Amino acid sequence: MWYPKNMDTKKTDPEQILSNLFHGKRKQLFQYIAGFVDGEGSFSVAIIKHPFYETGWMINPVFQVYQHQNYRYVLELCKFVFKTGSIYRKSGIHPVLNFSVDSRRNIIEKIIPFFDKYPLVVKQNDYLKFKEIVMAMEQGEHKTVSGFKRLVLLAHTMNGQGKQRKYSKEYIFSEMEKKLKLVDITKNPQRPMSDPA
């Protein structure tokens, strides 16, 4: 990944970086950030167990950028450009920082418009799927069983076909069916589990 030359990594003021390295030209800064995200960013959609949801699961889209703590200024630039997000240390012993945006409202209002205007190359396919999932959730599609399943299937085609995921889609759907049956029995105690033959 390319870093600006002669960068004093101890100085992280975005306005100073914009002035000194990009001569105040925000478009150049935005293009730099888009290229940086293409190499170091992540558009992920986690499927998380959640006991308070009727299905037992929640869909959690997150935009992230990782970077070594010595280059924190790049993450500060991300926060400056997107006008949202937080920076924190990644769990574990590695000296890695994480810039993260997990608010769906901020993703829709800040992240999606930016990458629609400054398209990616390497991560464009994952971004488009990420965007589709976020916008579908905004329309409430994830609140229906069929919609939830479609979004889970789509999420599992992202980032290497879901190879690093904790739960397989088969496991998620199986556990979801169990939870839905339990909810149905609780709501309708006199209703039989299945129709008589």
Protein backbone atom coordinates (compact mmCIF):
# COMPACT_ATOMS: atom_id res chain seq x y z
CA MET A 1 0.00 0.00 0.00
CA TRP A 2 1.29 3.45 -0.96
CA TYR A 3 1.92 6.02 1.74
CA PRO A 4 2.56 9.72 1.13
CA LYS A 5 6.25 10.58 1.12
CA ASN A 6 7.84 12.55 3.94
CA MET A 7 4.92 11.82 6.25
CA ASP A 8 5.52 12.55 9.91
CA THR A 9 3.48 9.72 11.40
CA LYS A 10 3.31 11.50 14.76
CA LYS A 11 1.20 14.25 13.22
CA THR A 12 -2.32 13.05 12.66
CA ASP A 13 -4.25 16.28 12.16
CA PRO A 14 -6.34 15.65 9.01
CA GLU A 15 -6.56 19.32 8.04
CA GLN A 16 -2.75 19.62 8.14
CA ILE A 17 -2.36 16.45 6.08
CA LEU A 18 -4.92 17.70 3.57
CA SER A 19 -3.04 20.97 3.23
CA ASN A 20 0.53 19.64 3.16
CA LEU A 21 0.17 16.45 1.14
CA PHE A 22 -2.87 17.06 -1.04
CA HIS A 23 -2.48 20.84 -1.40
CA GLY A 24 -5.99 21.32 -0.06
CA LYS A 25 -7.51 19.32 -2.92
CA ARG A 26 -10.15 17.12 -1.34
CA LYS A 27 -10.75 15.12 -4.51
CA GLN A 28 -7.15 13.85 -4.40
CA LEU A 29 -7.61 12.95 -0.74
CA PHE A 30 -10.86 11.12 -1.51
CA GLN A 31 -9.20 9.17 -4.33
CA TYR A 32 -6.35 8.26 -1.99
CA ILE A 33 -8.80 7.00 0.66
CA ALA A 34 -10.71 4.95 -1.92
CA GLY A 35 -7.47 3.33 -3.06
CA PHE A 36 -6.40 2.71 0.52
CA VAL A 37 -9.71 1.05 1.38
CA ASP A 38 -9.38 -1.14 -1.72
CA GLY A 39 -6.23 -2.57 -0.14
CA GLU A 40 -6.85 -2.36 3.61
CA GLY A 41 -10.61 -2.05 4.01
CA SER A 42 -13.38 -4.54 4.63
CA PHE A 43 -17.10 -4.61 3.88
CA SER A 44 -18.43 -7.36 6.11
CA VAL A 45 -21.85 -8.65 7.11
CA ALA A 46 -21.77 -10.66 10.32
CA ILE A 47 -24.57 -13.08 11.22
CA ILE A 48 -24.71 -13.02 15.01
CA LYS A 49 -26.67 -15.08 17.51
CA HIS A 50 -29.09 -12.83 19.37
CA PRO A 51 -31.65 -14.27 21.82
CA PHE A 52 -33.93 -11.22 21.69
CA TYR A 53 -34.61 -11.53 17.96
CA GLU A 54 -37.51 -13.73 16.91
CA THR A 55 -35.28 -15.65 14.50
CA GLY A 56 -32.51 -15.94 17.10
CA TRP A 57 -30.10 -14.14 14.76
CA MET A 58 -29.23 -10.62 13.69
CA ILE A 59 -27.54 -9.30 10.56
CA ASN A 60 -24.81 -6.78 11.32
CA PRO A 61 -23.14 -4.91 8.41
CA VAL A 62 -19.83 -3.21 9.28
CA PHE A 63 -17.35 -1.14 7.29
CA GLN A 64 -13.79 -1.36 8.61
CA VAL A 65 -10.24 -0.30 7.81
CA TYR A 66 -7.25 -1.85 9.59
CA GLN A 67 -3.83 -0.33 9.98
CA HIS A 68 -0.70 -0.60 12.10
CA GLN A 69 -0.70 1.83 15.01
CA ASN A 70 2.30 3.65 13.50
CA TYR A 71 0.05 4.78 10.65
CA ARG A 72 -2.90 5.93 12.71
CA TYR A 73 -3.00 9.11 10.64
CA VAL A 74 -4.56 7.17 7.74
CA LEU A 75 -7.44 6.09 9.98
CA GLU A 76 -7.78 9.68 11.19
CA LEU A 77 -8.06 10.66 7.53
CA CYS A 78 -10.84 8.07 7.10
CA LYS A 79 -12.71 9.53 10.05
CA PHE A 80 -12.18 13.02 8.61
CA VAL A 81 -13.40 12.06 5.14
CA PHE A 82 -16.44 10.01 6.19
CA LYS A 83 -17.33 12.29 9.12
CA THR A 84 -18.27 9.26 11.20
CA GLY A 85 -16.77 6.11 12.70
CA SER A 86 -14.52 5.25 15.61
CA ILE A 87 -10.90 4.16 15.96
CA TYR A 88 -9.91 1.51 18.48
CA ARG A 89 -7.26 -1.12 19.04
CA LYS A 90 -7.97 -4.50 17.51
CA SER A 91 -8.27 -7.31 20.06
CA GLY A 92 -5.18 -9.40 20.65
CA ILE A 93 -1.52 -8.55 21.03
CA HIS A 94 -0.97 -7.17 17.54
CA PRO A 95 -0.37 -3.39 17.35
CA VAL A 96 -3.23 -2.92 14.91
CA LEU A 97 -5.88 -0.21 14.97
CA ASN A 98 -9.34 -0.46 13.48
CA PHE A 99 -11.52 2.27 11.98
CA SER A 100 -15.10 1.06 12.12
CA VAL A 101 -18.58 2.20 11.07
CA ASP A 102 -21.38 -0.11 12.21
CA SER A 103 -24.34 2.26 12.34
CA ARG A 104 -26.66 1.41 9.44
CA ARG A 105 -27.75 5.04 9.23
CA ASN A 106 -24.16 6.25 8.92
CA ILE A 107 -23.35 3.53 6.40
CA ILE A 108 -26.28 4.67 4.25
CA GLU A 109 -25.62 8.39 4.61
CA LYS A 110 -21.78 8.47 4.65
CA ILE A 111 -20.18 5.28 3.36
CA ILE A 112 -22.38 4.23 0.44
CA PRO A 113 -22.51 7.67 -1.25
CA PHE A 114 -18.71 7.91 -1.08
CA PHE A 115 -18.03 4.55 -2.73
CA ASP A 116 -20.76 5.11 -5.29
CA LYS A 117 -18.83 8.22 -6.33
CA TYR A 118 -15.34 6.73 -5.94
CA PRO A 119 -15.66 3.08 -7.07
CA LEU A 120 -13.31 0.38 -5.89
CA VAL A 121 -11.46 -2.16 -8.01
CA VAL A 122 -10.47 -5.17 -5.91
CA LYS A 123 -13.35 -4.95 -3.43
CA GLN A 124 -16.04 -3.59 -5.73
CA ASN A 125 -17.99 -6.85 -5.89
CA ASP A 126 -18.08 -7.21 -2.10
CA TYR A 127 -19.04 -3.55 -1.77
CA LEU A 128 -22.01 -3.95 -4.12
CA LYS A 129 -23.26 -6.97 -2.16
CA PHE A 130 -22.71 -5.08 1.09
CA LYS A 131 -24.72 -2.16 -0.28
CA GLU A 132 -27.52 -4.46 -1.46
CA ILE A 133 -27.80 -6.03 1.99
CA VAL A 134 -27.79 -2.69 3.81
CA MET A 135 -30.44 -1.17 1.53
CA ALA A 136 -32.59 -4.32 1.77
CA MET A 137 -32.43 -4.09 5.56
CA GLU A 138 -33.47 -0.46 5.34
CA GLN A 139 -36.60 -1.69 3.55
CA GLY A 140 -37.20 -4.27 6.29
CA GLU A 141 -36.48 -7.33 4.15
CA HIS A 142 -34.51 -8.98 6.95
CA LYS A 143 -37.63 -9.04 9.11
CA THR A 144 -39.24 -11.75 6.98
CA VAL A 145 -38.02 -15.35 6.98
CA SER A 146 -37.53 -15.46 3.22
CA GLY A 147 -35.82 -12.06 3.20
CA PHE A 148 -33.55 -13.00 6.08
CA LYS A 149 -32.49 -16.19 4.31
CA ARG A 150 -31.79 -14.35 1.07
CA LEU A 151 -29.56 -11.84 2.83
CA VAL A 152 -27.70 -14.56 4.72
CA LEU A 153 -27.06 -16.43 1.47
CA LEU A 154 -25.84 -13.22 -0.16
CA ALA A 155 -23.57 -12.44 2.80
CA HIS A 156 -22.01 -15.88 2.50
CA THR A 157 -20.92 -15.11 -1.06
CA MET A 158 -18.80 -12.19 0.20
CA ASN A 159 -15.16 -12.17 1.31
CA GLY A 160 -14.02 -15.56 0.05
CA GLN A 161 -17.43 -17.24 0.02
CA GLY A 162 -17.78 -17.08 3.79
CA LYS A 163 -14.84 -19.42 4.50
CA GLN A 164 -13.87 -17.53 7.68
CA ARG A 165 -17.36 -17.46 9.14
CA LYS A 166 -18.07 -18.92 12.56
CA TYR A 167 -21.44 -20.35 11.54
CA SER A 168 -22.38 -22.06 8.28
CA LYS A 169 -25.57 -20.97 6.55
CA GLU A 170 -26.94 -24.48 7.08
CA TYR A 171 -26.44 -24.18 10.84
CA ILE A 172 -27.97 -20.70 10.91
CA PHE A 173 -31.10 -21.81 9.05
CA SER A 174 -31.45 -24.95 11.17
CA GLU A 175 -31.21 -23.02 14.44
CA MET A 176 -33.53 -20.35 13.09
CA GLU A 177 -36.22 -22.94 12.27
CA LYS A 178 -35.96 -24.32 15.82
CA LYS A 179 -36.32 -20.84 17.31
CA LEU A 180 -39.29 -19.98 15.09
CA LYS A 181 -41.07 -23.21 16.06
CA LEU A 182 -40.48 -22.41 19.73
CA VAL A 183 -41.81 -18.88 19.27
CA ASP A 184 -44.84 -20.24 17.43
CA ILE A 185 -45.62 -22.74 20.19
CA THR A 186 -45.29 -20.00 22.82
CA LYS A 187 -47.64 -17.69 20.95
CA ASN A 188 -50.08 -20.45 19.98
CA PRO A 189 -49.97 -23.16 22.69
CA GLN A 190 -53.09 -24.91 21.33
CA ARG A 191 -51.82 -25.03 17.76
CA PRO A 192 -50.47 -28.45 16.69
CA MET A 193 -46.84 -28.70 15.58
CA SER A 194 -47.97 -29.88 12.15
CA ASP A 195 -51.20 -30.33 10.27
CA PRO A 196 -52.82 -33.76 10.67
CA ALA A 197 -52.35 -36.12 7.73
